[in-house]
Amino acid sequence: MIAFTANGGAVAIVAVLLITYLVHLGHSPVLAATLAGLLGVLSVTGRLVTTGLQTRLPAALIAAAIFALQGVAVLLLPLVGRSVAGAIGAVLLFGLGFGIASITLPHLLVGRYGTTAYASLAGRIAIFSVADKALAPLGAVALAQAVGYGWVMGAVAAACGIAAFALLAYHRLGFRQASNQEGLS
């Protein structure tokens, strides 16, 4: 729940504020809108990459790596985002994580708890995730008005980091549970 709520809020903030922030960095509204439009295309790319990697690596680790990459990308945006190439690079890196949660969460829930518990668990997680996706951009706008967009990007990076660490912990906990159960049988 922590991983997907934190990442959902981060993604919602970027989706809502990216155009405004890119214009704030000095880009034209047309370029800013074009770059924001790449997020949709990149979500498909990220999903394809994730699906392909899931045959070789655990889904939680793939998502954790992508969420961490999103955090790095959003930290780079204030530093390199004034140039067109820098803005494109940061948006491309962040955009790869768009849509990853929608394919990873069901995979993890079914893998750990089975299909019987899936609906109730997904519903419980959705309560927090949907609320966060609605409220996070409002908080981000208030933060941007109070202290600037750099702090917003830092908060988004922190949320991505929290999401990545939560998935790493989820993976490690699942590994230990499986190892303990094997030792008992």
N, C-alpha and C. Protein backbone atom coordinates (compact mmCIF):
# COMPACT_ATOMS: atom_id res chain seq x y z
N MET A 1 0.82 -1.18 0.00
CA MET A 1 0.00 0.00 0.00
C MET A 1 0.88 1.26 0.00
N ILE A 2 1.92 1.26 0.81
CA ILE A 2 2.80 2.42 0.89
C ILE A 2 3.44 2.71 -0.47
N ALA A 3 3.95 1.68 -1.12
CA ALA A 3 4.65 1.87 -2.39
C ALA A 3 3.74 2.47 -3.45
N PHE A 4 2.56 1.91 -3.60
CA PHE A 4 1.70 2.34 -4.68
C PHE A 4 0.97 3.64 -4.37
N THR A 5 0.77 3.93 -3.10
CA THR A 5 0.20 5.22 -2.74
C THR A 5 1.23 6.33 -2.95
N ALA A 6 2.45 6.10 -2.49
CA ALA A 6 3.50 7.12 -2.67
C ALA A 6 3.78 7.37 -4.15
N ASN A 7 3.91 6.30 -4.93
CA ASN A 7 4.19 6.48 -6.35
C ASN A 7 3.00 7.10 -7.07
N GLY A 8 1.80 6.71 -6.71
CA GLY A 8 0.61 7.28 -7.35
C GLY A 8 0.52 8.78 -7.13
N GLY A 9 0.83 9.23 -5.92
CA GLY A 9 0.84 10.67 -5.65
C GLY A 9 1.91 11.39 -6.45
N ALA A 10 3.10 10.78 -6.53
CA ALA A 10 4.20 11.39 -7.29
C ALA A 10 3.84 11.51 -8.77
N VAL A 11 3.28 10.46 -9.32
CA VAL A 11 2.89 10.46 -10.73
C VAL A 11 1.78 11.49 -10.97
N ALA A 12 0.84 11.59 -10.05
CA ALA A 12 -0.25 12.56 -10.21
C ALA A 12 0.28 13.99 -10.19
N ILE A 13 1.23 14.25 -9.31
CA ILE A 13 1.81 15.60 -9.24
C ILE A 13 2.50 15.94 -10.55
N VAL A 14 3.30 15.04 -11.06
CA VAL A 14 4.01 15.31 -12.31
C VAL A 14 3.02 15.47 -13.45
N ALA A 15 2.01 14.63 -13.49
CA ALA A 15 1.02 14.72 -14.57
C ALA A 15 0.30 16.06 -14.56
N VAL A 16 0.02 16.58 -13.38
CA VAL A 16 -0.72 17.84 -13.27
C VAL A 16 0.19 19.06 -13.44
N LEU A 17 1.40 19.00 -12.90
CA LEU A 17 2.25 20.20 -12.87
C LEU A 17 3.35 20.25 -13.94
N LEU A 18 3.53 19.20 -14.71
CA LEU A 18 4.67 19.17 -15.63
C LEU A 18 4.66 20.32 -16.63
N ILE A 19 3.55 20.58 -17.25
CA ILE A 19 3.50 21.66 -18.25
C ILE A 19 3.83 23.00 -17.61
N THR A 20 3.21 23.27 -16.47
CA THR A 20 3.47 24.54 -15.78
C THR A 20 4.93 24.65 -15.38
N TYR A 21 5.49 23.56 -14.88
CA TYR A 21 6.88 23.60 -14.44
C TYR A 21 7.83 23.79 -15.62
N LEU A 22 7.58 23.10 -16.71
CA LEU A 22 8.45 23.27 -17.88
C LEU A 22 8.38 24.70 -18.42
N VAL A 23 7.20 25.29 -18.41
CA VAL A 23 7.08 26.70 -18.82
C VAL A 23 7.84 27.58 -17.82
N HIS A 24 7.73 27.27 -16.54
CA HIS A 24 8.47 27.99 -15.51
C HIS A 24 9.99 27.90 -15.75
N LEU A 25 10.45 26.76 -16.28
CA LEU A 25 11.88 26.60 -16.58
C LEU A 25 12.30 27.34 -17.85
N GLY A 26 11.33 27.90 -18.58
CA GLY A 26 11.66 28.70 -19.76
C GLY A 26 11.27 28.10 -21.10
N HIS A 27 10.60 26.97 -21.10
CA HIS A 27 10.19 26.35 -22.35
C HIS A 27 8.86 26.92 -22.83
N SER A 28 8.65 26.83 -24.12
CA SER A 28 7.39 27.32 -24.68
C SER A 28 6.26 26.39 -24.25
N PRO A 29 5.04 26.92 -24.18
CA PRO A 29 3.90 26.06 -23.82
C PRO A 29 3.72 24.88 -24.79
N VAL A 30 4.03 25.09 -26.07
CA VAL A 30 3.90 24.00 -27.05
C VAL A 30 4.88 22.87 -26.74
N LEU A 31 6.15 23.23 -26.47
CA LEU A 31 7.13 22.20 -26.14
C LEU A 31 6.75 21.51 -24.83
N ALA A 32 6.33 22.29 -23.84
CA ALA A 32 5.95 21.72 -22.55
C ALA A 32 4.79 20.72 -22.71
N ALA A 33 3.80 21.10 -23.50
CA ALA A 33 2.66 20.20 -23.74
C ALA A 33 3.08 18.96 -24.52
N THR A 34 3.98 19.13 -25.46
CA THR A 34 4.47 17.99 -26.24
C THR A 34 5.21 17.01 -25.34
N LEU A 35 6.09 17.53 -24.48
CA LEU A 35 6.81 16.66 -23.56
C LEU A 35 5.87 15.96 -22.59
N ALA A 36 4.88 16.68 -22.10
CA ALA A 36 3.89 16.05 -21.21
C ALA A 36 3.11 14.97 -21.95
N GLY A 37 2.87 15.18 -23.22
CA GLY A 37 2.17 14.17 -24.02
C GLY A 37 2.98 12.89 -24.19
N LEU A 38 4.30 13.01 -24.08
CA LEU A 38 5.15 11.82 -24.17
C LEU A 38 4.89 10.84 -23.02
N LEU A 39 4.38 11.34 -21.91
CA LEU A 39 4.15 10.47 -20.75
C LEU A 39 3.21 9.32 -21.09
N GLY A 40 2.20 9.59 -21.89
CA GLY A 40 1.27 8.53 -22.28
C GLY A 40 1.93 7.47 -23.15
N VAL A 41 2.74 7.92 -24.10
CA VAL A 41 3.46 6.99 -24.97
C VAL A 41 4.45 6.18 -24.15
N LEU A 42 5.12 6.84 -23.24
CA LEU A 42 6.13 6.17 -22.43
C LEU A 42 5.52 5.16 -21.47
N SER A 43 4.26 5.38 -21.07
CA SER A 43 3.62 4.41 -20.18
C SER A 43 3.51 3.05 -20.87
N VAL A 44 3.25 3.06 -22.16
CA VAL A 44 3.18 1.79 -22.91
C VAL A 44 4.57 1.17 -22.98
N THR A 45 5.57 1.98 -23.25
CA THR A 45 6.95 1.49 -23.31
C THR A 45 7.36 0.88 -21.98
N GLY A 46 7.09 1.58 -20.89
CA GLY A 46 7.42 1.07 -19.57
C GLY A 46 6.72 -0.23 -19.24
N ARG A 47 5.47 -0.34 -19.64
CA ARG A 47 4.73 -1.58 -19.40
C ARG A 47 5.31 -2.74 -20.20
N LEU A 48 5.69 -2.48 -21.44
CA LEU A 48 6.30 -3.54 -22.25
C LEU A 48 7.64 -3.99 -21.67
N VAL A 49 8.44 -3.04 -21.25
CA VAL A 49 9.74 -3.37 -20.64
C VAL A 49 9.52 -4.17 -19.36
N THR A 50 8.59 -3.73 -18.53
CA THR A 50 8.30 -4.42 -17.27
C THR A 50 7.81 -5.84 -17.53
N THR A 51 6.90 -5.99 -18.45
CA THR A 51 6.37 -7.32 -18.76
C THR A 51 7.47 -8.24 -19.26
N GLY A 52 8.34 -7.73 -20.11
CA GLY A 52 9.44 -8.54 -20.62
C GLY A 52 10.42 -8.93 -19.53
N LEU A 53 10.71 -8.02 -18.61
CA LEU A 53 11.67 -8.30 -17.54
C LEU A 53 11.11 -9.26 -16.49
N GLN A 54 9.78 -9.33 -16.37
CA GLN A 54 9.18 -10.18 -15.33
C GLN A 54 9.44 -11.67 -15.56
N THR A 55 9.89 -12.05 -16.72
CA THR A 55 10.26 -13.45 -16.94
C THR A 55 11.62 -13.77 -16.31
N ARG A 56 12.41 -12.72 -16.02
CA ARG A 56 13.76 -12.92 -15.48
C ARG A 56 13.94 -12.42 -14.06
N LEU A 57 13.16 -11.41 -13.67
CA LEU A 57 13.34 -10.77 -12.37
C LEU A 57 12.00 -10.66 -11.64
N PRO A 58 12.03 -10.59 -10.30
CA PRO A 58 10.79 -10.41 -9.55
C PRO A 58 10.15 -9.05 -9.85
N ALA A 59 8.83 -9.05 -9.95
CA ALA A 59 8.09 -7.83 -10.29
C ALA A 59 8.34 -6.70 -9.29
N ALA A 60 8.44 -7.03 -8.01
CA ALA A 60 8.67 -5.99 -7.00
C ALA A 60 10.01 -5.29 -7.22
N LEU A 61 11.02 -6.05 -7.60
CA LEU A 61 12.34 -5.44 -7.83
C LEU A 61 12.35 -4.59 -9.09
N ILE A 62 11.65 -5.03 -10.12
CA ILE A 62 11.57 -4.24 -11.36
C ILE A 62 10.88 -2.90 -11.07
N ALA A 63 9.74 -2.97 -10.39
CA ALA A 63 9.01 -1.74 -10.07
C ALA A 63 9.83 -0.85 -9.15
N ALA A 64 10.53 -1.43 -8.18
CA ALA A 64 11.36 -0.63 -7.27
C ALA A 64 12.44 0.12 -8.06
N ALA A 65 13.06 -0.57 -9.00
CA ALA A 65 14.10 0.07 -9.81
C ALA A 65 13.52 1.20 -10.66
N ILE A 66 12.35 0.97 -11.23
CA ILE A 66 11.73 2.00 -12.07
C ILE A 66 11.28 3.18 -11.21
N PHE A 67 10.72 2.92 -10.03
CA PHE A 67 10.32 4.01 -9.14
C PHE A 67 11.54 4.83 -8.71
N ALA A 68 12.66 4.14 -8.43
CA ALA A 68 13.89 4.85 -8.08
C ALA A 68 14.38 5.69 -9.26
N LEU A 69 14.29 5.15 -10.47
CA LEU A 69 14.66 5.90 -11.66
C LEU A 69 13.80 7.14 -11.82
N GLN A 70 12.52 7.02 -11.51
CA GLN A 70 11.65 8.19 -11.56
C GLN A 70 12.12 9.25 -10.57
N GLY A 71 12.53 8.82 -9.39
CA GLY A 71 13.02 9.77 -8.39
C GLY A 71 14.26 10.50 -8.87
N VAL A 72 15.17 9.78 -9.49
CA VAL A 72 16.38 10.39 -10.05
C VAL A 72 16.00 11.38 -11.15
N ALA A 73 15.09 10.98 -12.02
CA ALA A 73 14.68 11.84 -13.14
C ALA A 73 14.09 13.15 -12.65
N VAL A 74 13.25 13.07 -11.63
CA VAL A 74 12.60 14.29 -11.15
C VAL A 74 13.58 15.16 -10.36
N LEU A 75 14.60 14.55 -9.77
CA LEU A 75 15.66 15.36 -9.14
C LEU A 75 16.53 16.06 -10.17
N LEU A 76 16.71 15.41 -11.33
CA LEU A 76 17.50 16.00 -12.39
C LEU A 76 16.78 17.14 -13.11
N LEU A 77 15.46 17.08 -13.13
CA LEU A 77 14.68 18.07 -13.90
C LEU A 77 15.01 19.51 -13.52
N PRO A 78 15.07 19.90 -12.24
CA PRO A 78 15.45 21.29 -11.94
C PRO A 78 16.88 21.63 -12.34
N LEU A 79 17.74 20.62 -12.39
CA LEU A 79 19.15 20.85 -12.70
C LEU A 79 19.43 20.93 -14.19
N VAL A 80 18.78 20.07 -14.98
CA VAL A 80 19.05 20.01 -16.42
C VAL A 80 17.86 20.41 -17.27
N GLY A 81 16.74 20.69 -16.64
CA GLY A 81 15.49 20.92 -17.37
C GLY A 81 15.36 22.23 -18.11
N ARG A 82 16.31 23.14 -17.92
CA ARG A 82 16.24 24.41 -18.67
C ARG A 82 16.63 24.22 -20.13
N SER A 83 17.43 23.21 -20.41
CA SER A 83 17.76 22.92 -21.80
C SER A 83 16.71 21.94 -22.36
N VAL A 84 16.50 22.01 -23.64
CA VAL A 84 15.52 21.12 -24.28
C VAL A 84 15.95 19.66 -24.11
N ALA A 85 17.22 19.38 -24.34
CA ALA A 85 17.71 18.01 -24.22
C ALA A 85 17.57 17.50 -22.79
N GLY A 86 17.88 18.33 -21.82
CA GLY A 86 17.74 17.94 -20.41
C GLY A 86 16.31 17.67 -20.03
N ALA A 87 15.41 18.55 -20.49
CA ALA A 87 13.99 18.35 -20.19
C ALA A 87 13.48 17.06 -20.83
N ILE A 88 13.87 16.83 -22.07
CA ILE A 88 13.45 15.60 -22.76
C ILE A 88 13.97 14.38 -22.01
N GLY A 89 15.24 14.40 -21.65
CA GLY A 89 15.84 13.26 -20.94
C GLY A 89 15.14 12.97 -19.62
N ALA A 90 14.90 14.01 -18.82
CA ALA A 90 14.25 13.82 -17.52
C ALA A 90 12.82 13.31 -17.69
N VAL A 91 12.09 13.88 -18.65
CA VAL A 91 10.72 13.43 -18.88
C VAL A 91 10.70 11.99 -19.39
N LEU A 92 11.62 11.64 -20.27
CA LEU A 92 11.70 10.26 -20.75
C LEU A 92 11.95 9.28 -19.61
N LEU A 93 12.89 9.61 -18.73
CA LEU A 93 13.19 8.72 -17.60
C LEU A 93 11.99 8.60 -16.66
N PHE A 94 11.37 9.72 -16.35
CA PHE A 94 10.22 9.67 -15.45
C PHE A 94 9.05 8.94 -16.09
N GLY A 95 8.86 9.18 -17.37
CA GLY A 95 7.71 8.62 -18.08
C GLY A 95 7.72 7.10 -18.18
N LEU A 96 8.89 6.49 -18.11
CA LEU A 96 8.94 5.02 -18.17
C LEU A 96 8.18 4.38 -17.02
N GLY A 97 8.03 5.10 -15.91
CA GLY A 97 7.31 4.57 -14.76
C GLY A 97 5.82 4.78 -14.80
N PHE A 98 5.35 5.58 -15.75
CA PHE A 98 3.90 5.79 -15.87
C PHE A 98 3.25 4.46 -16.24
N GLY A 99 2.27 4.06 -15.50
CA GLY A 99 1.52 2.84 -15.82
C GLY A 99 2.10 1.57 -15.24
N ILE A 100 3.28 1.64 -14.63
CA ILE A 100 3.90 0.43 -14.07
C ILE A 100 3.07 -0.10 -12.90
N ALA A 101 2.56 0.80 -12.08
CA ALA A 101 1.79 0.37 -10.91
C ALA A 101 0.55 -0.42 -11.31
N SER A 102 -0.07 -0.04 -12.42
CA SER A 102 -1.32 -0.70 -12.81
C SER A 102 -1.11 -2.15 -13.24
N ILE A 103 0.10 -2.51 -13.64
CA ILE A 103 0.34 -3.92 -13.98
C ILE A 103 1.09 -4.66 -12.87
N THR A 104 1.81 -3.92 -12.02
CA THR A 104 2.60 -4.57 -10.99
C THR A 104 1.77 -4.90 -9.75
N LEU A 105 0.91 -3.99 -9.32
CA LEU A 105 0.12 -4.23 -8.11
C LEU A 105 -0.72 -5.51 -8.21
N PRO A 106 -1.50 -5.71 -9.26
CA PRO A 106 -2.26 -6.97 -9.34
C PRO A 106 -1.35 -8.20 -9.33
N HIS A 107 -0.24 -8.12 -10.02
CA HIS A 107 0.71 -9.23 -10.06
C HIS A 107 1.20 -9.58 -8.66
N LEU A 108 1.58 -8.56 -7.89
CA LEU A 108 2.09 -8.79 -6.54
C LEU A 108 1.01 -9.30 -5.60
N LEU A 109 -0.17 -8.73 -5.68
CA LEU A 109 -1.25 -9.16 -4.79
C LEU A 109 -1.65 -10.61 -5.04
N VAL A 110 -1.82 -10.97 -6.30
CA VAL A 110 -2.20 -12.35 -6.62
C VAL A 110 -1.06 -13.30 -6.27
N GLY A 111 0.16 -12.90 -6.54
CA GLY A 111 1.30 -13.75 -6.23
C GLY A 111 1.46 -14.03 -4.75
N ARG A 112 1.17 -13.05 -3.92
CA ARG A 112 1.37 -13.21 -2.48
C ARG A 112 0.13 -13.75 -1.77
N TYR A 113 -1.07 -13.28 -2.19
CA TYR A 113 -2.28 -13.60 -1.43
C TYR A 113 -3.30 -14.45 -2.18
N GLY A 114 -3.08 -14.68 -3.46
CA GLY A 114 -4.01 -15.47 -4.25
C GLY A 114 -5.16 -14.65 -4.79
N THR A 115 -5.97 -15.29 -5.61
CA THR A 115 -7.07 -14.57 -6.26
C THR A 115 -8.26 -14.36 -5.34
N THR A 116 -8.41 -15.17 -4.32
CA THR A 116 -9.55 -15.03 -3.41
C THR A 116 -9.51 -13.70 -2.67
N ALA A 117 -8.34 -13.29 -2.22
CA ALA A 117 -8.20 -12.05 -1.45
C ALA A 117 -7.95 -10.83 -2.32
N TYR A 118 -7.77 -11.03 -3.62
CA TYR A 118 -7.35 -9.93 -4.49
C TYR A 118 -8.30 -8.73 -4.44
N ALA A 119 -9.58 -8.95 -4.63
CA ALA A 119 -10.53 -7.83 -4.74
C ALA A 119 -10.57 -6.99 -3.47
N SER A 120 -10.64 -7.63 -2.32
CA SER A 120 -10.71 -6.85 -1.08
C SER A 120 -9.41 -6.11 -0.81
N LEU A 121 -8.28 -6.73 -1.08
CA LEU A 121 -7.00 -6.05 -0.88
C LEU A 121 -6.81 -4.90 -1.86
N ALA A 122 -7.13 -5.13 -3.12
CA ALA A 122 -7.00 -4.07 -4.13
C ALA A 122 -7.92 -2.90 -3.78
N GLY A 123 -9.10 -3.20 -3.28
CA GLY A 123 -10.03 -2.14 -2.88
C GLY A 123 -9.51 -1.33 -1.72
N ARG A 124 -8.93 -1.99 -0.75
CA ARG A 124 -8.36 -1.28 0.41
C ARG A 124 -7.21 -0.37 -0.02
N ILE A 125 -6.38 -0.87 -0.88
CA ILE A 125 -5.26 -0.07 -1.37
C ILE A 125 -5.78 1.11 -2.19
N ALA A 126 -6.81 0.87 -2.98
CA ALA A 126 -7.37 1.93 -3.84
C ALA A 126 -7.90 3.10 -3.04
N ILE A 127 -8.45 2.84 -1.86
CA ILE A 127 -8.96 3.94 -1.02
C ILE A 127 -7.86 4.97 -0.79
N PHE A 128 -6.69 4.50 -0.38
CA PHE A 128 -5.58 5.41 -0.09
C PHE A 128 -4.96 5.97 -1.36
N SER A 129 -4.82 5.12 -2.34
CA SER A 129 -4.18 5.52 -3.57
C SER A 129 -4.98 6.58 -4.33
N VAL A 130 -6.27 6.39 -4.43
CA VAL A 130 -7.12 7.35 -5.14
C VAL A 130 -7.16 8.68 -4.39
N ALA A 131 -7.26 8.62 -3.06
CA ALA A 131 -7.26 9.86 -2.28
C ALA A 131 -5.95 10.61 -2.46
N ASP A 132 -4.85 9.88 -2.47
CA ASP A 132 -3.54 10.50 -2.66
C ASP A 132 -3.41 11.12 -4.04
N LYS A 133 -3.89 10.41 -5.06
CA LYS A 133 -3.82 10.94 -6.42
C LYS A 133 -4.65 12.21 -6.58
N ALA A 134 -5.70 12.33 -5.79
CA ALA A 134 -6.54 13.53 -5.86
C ALA A 134 -5.95 14.68 -5.04
N LEU A 135 -5.39 14.37 -3.88
CA LEU A 135 -4.94 15.42 -2.97
C LEU A 135 -3.49 15.85 -3.18
N ALA A 136 -2.64 14.95 -3.64
CA ALA A 136 -1.21 15.28 -3.80
C ALA A 136 -0.97 16.48 -4.71
N PRO A 137 -1.63 16.56 -5.87
CA PRO A 137 -1.40 17.76 -6.70
C PRO A 137 -1.84 19.06 -6.02
N LEU A 138 -2.89 19.01 -5.22
CA LEU A 138 -3.31 20.22 -4.50
C LEU A 138 -2.23 20.65 -3.50
N GLY A 139 -1.70 19.69 -2.77
CA GLY A 139 -0.61 20.00 -1.85
C GLY A 139 0.63 20.49 -2.57
N ALA A 140 0.90 19.91 -3.73
CA ALA A 140 2.08 20.32 -4.51
C ALA A 140 1.95 21.75 -5.00
N VAL A 141 0.77 22.14 -5.43
CA VAL A 141 0.56 23.52 -5.88
C VAL A 141 0.76 24.47 -4.71
N ALA A 142 0.23 24.12 -3.55
CA ALA A 142 0.41 24.97 -2.36
C ALA A 142 1.90 25.07 -2.00
N LEU A 143 2.61 23.95 -2.07
CA LEU A 143 4.04 23.95 -1.77
C LEU A 143 4.81 24.79 -2.79
N ALA A 144 4.45 24.67 -4.05
CA ALA A 144 5.12 25.46 -5.10
C ALA A 144 4.90 26.95 -4.88
N GLN A 145 3.70 27.32 -4.50
CA GLN A 145 3.41 28.74 -4.24
C GLN A 145 4.17 29.25 -3.02
N ALA A 146 4.34 28.38 -2.02
CA ALA A 146 4.99 28.82 -0.78
C ALA A 146 6.51 28.85 -0.90
N VAL A 147 7.12 27.81 -1.49
CA VAL A 147 8.58 27.73 -1.47
C VAL A 147 9.21 27.44 -2.83
N GLY A 148 8.41 27.17 -3.85
CA GLY A 148 8.95 26.98 -5.18
C GLY A 148 8.88 25.55 -5.68
N TYR A 149 9.03 25.42 -6.99
CA TYR A 149 8.92 24.12 -7.64
C TYR A 149 10.05 23.17 -7.30
N GLY A 150 11.20 23.68 -6.98
CA GLY A 150 12.32 22.82 -6.60
C GLY A 150 11.96 21.94 -5.41
N TRP A 151 11.26 22.50 -4.45
CA TRP A 151 10.82 21.73 -3.28
C TRP A 151 9.77 20.70 -3.68
N VAL A 152 8.94 21.05 -4.62
CA VAL A 152 7.93 20.09 -5.10
C VAL A 152 8.63 18.90 -5.75
N MET A 153 9.61 19.18 -6.60
CA MET A 153 10.34 18.10 -7.26
C MET A 153 11.09 17.25 -6.23
N GLY A 154 11.60 17.88 -5.19
CA GLY A 154 12.24 17.13 -4.11
C GLY A 154 11.26 16.23 -3.39
N ALA A 155 10.04 16.74 -3.15
CA ALA A 155 9.01 15.92 -2.51
C ALA A 155 8.58 14.76 -3.40
N VAL A 156 8.48 15.00 -4.70
CA VAL A 156 8.14 13.93 -5.63
C VAL A 156 9.25 12.88 -5.63
N ALA A 157 10.50 13.31 -5.64
CA ALA A 157 11.62 12.37 -5.60
C ALA A 157 11.60 11.55 -4.31
N ALA A 158 11.28 12.21 -3.20
CA ALA A 158 11.19 11.50 -1.91
C ALA A 158 10.08 10.45 -1.96
N ALA A 159 8.94 10.79 -2.55
CA ALA A 159 7.84 9.83 -2.67
C ALA A 159 8.25 8.64 -3.53
N CYS A 160 8.96 8.91 -4.61
CA CYS A 160 9.45 7.82 -5.46
C CYS A 160 10.44 6.94 -4.70
N GLY A 161 11.29 7.55 -3.90
CA GLY A 161 12.23 6.80 -3.08
C GLY A 161 11.53 5.94 -2.04
N ILE A 162 10.52 6.50 -1.41
CA ILE A 162 9.73 5.74 -0.44
C ILE A 162 9.07 4.55 -1.12
N ALA A 163 8.52 4.78 -2.30
CA ALA A 163 7.88 3.69 -3.06
C ALA A 163 8.88 2.60 -3.39
N ALA A 164 10.06 2.98 -3.83
CA ALA A 164 11.09 1.99 -4.18
C ALA A 164 11.51 1.19 -2.96
N PHE A 165 11.77 1.86 -1.84
CA PHE A 165 12.18 1.16 -0.63
C PHE A 165 11.07 0.25 -0.09
N ALA A 166 9.83 0.70 -0.19
CA ALA A 166 8.71 -0.14 0.26
C ALA A 166 8.63 -1.42 -0.56
N LEU A 167 8.86 -1.32 -1.86
CA LEU A 167 8.83 -2.53 -2.69
C LEU A 167 10.03 -3.44 -2.41
N LEU A 168 11.17 -2.85 -2.12
CA LEU A 168 12.32 -3.68 -1.73
C LEU A 168 12.01 -4.43 -0.44
N ALA A 169 11.41 -3.75 0.52
CA ALA A 169 11.04 -4.40 1.78
C ALA A 169 9.99 -5.49 1.53
N TYR A 170 9.04 -5.21 0.66
CA TYR A 170 8.02 -6.20 0.32
C TYR A 170 8.66 -7.45 -0.27
N HIS A 171 9.61 -7.25 -1.16
CA HIS A 171 10.30 -8.38 -1.79
C HIS A 171 11.09 -9.18 -0.75
N ARG A 172 11.83 -8.48 0.10
CA ARG A 172 12.64 -9.15 1.12
C ARG A 172 11.76 -9.90 2.11
N LEU A 173 10.66 -9.32 2.53
CA LEU A 173 9.74 -9.97 3.47
C LEU A 173 9.16 -11.22 2.84
N GLY A 174 8.78 -11.13 1.57
CA GLY A 174 8.22 -12.29 0.88
C GLY A 174 9.24 -13.40 0.75
N PHE A 175 10.51 -13.04 0.52
CA PHE A 175 11.57 -14.03 0.38
C PHE A 175 11.79 -14.74 1.72
N ARG A 176 11.81 -13.96 2.80
CA ARG A 176 12.02 -14.56 4.13
C ARG A 176 10.86 -15.47 4.51
N GLN A 177 9.63 -15.04 4.20
CA GLN A 177 8.48 -15.88 4.53
C GLN A 177 8.56 -17.20 3.78
N ALA A 178 8.91 -17.15 2.50
CA ALA A 178 9.00 -18.38 1.72
C ALA A 178 10.13 -19.26 2.27
N SER A 179 11.25 -18.66 2.64
CA SER A 179 12.37 -19.43 3.17
C SER A 179 12.01 -20.08 4.50
N ASN A 180 11.30 -19.35 5.37
CA ASN A 180 10.89 -19.89 6.66
C ASN A 180 9.91 -21.04 6.48
N GLN A 181 9.00 -20.91 5.53
CA GLN A 181 8.01 -21.95 5.31
C GLN A 181 8.67 -23.22 4.75
N GLU A 182 9.68 -23.03 3.89
CA GLU A 182 10.37 -24.18 3.32
C GLU A 182 11.12 -24.92 4.42
N GLY A 183 11.67 -24.19 5.39
CA GLY A 183 12.41 -24.81 6.47
C GLY A 183 11.52 -25.62 7.40
N LEU A 184 10.24 -25.22 7.49
CA LEU A 184 9.30 -25.91 8.37
C LEU A 184 8.77 -27.19 7.76
N SER A 185 8.78 -27.30 6.45
CA SER A 185 8.19 -28.49 5.83
C SER A 185 9.13 -29.63 5.67
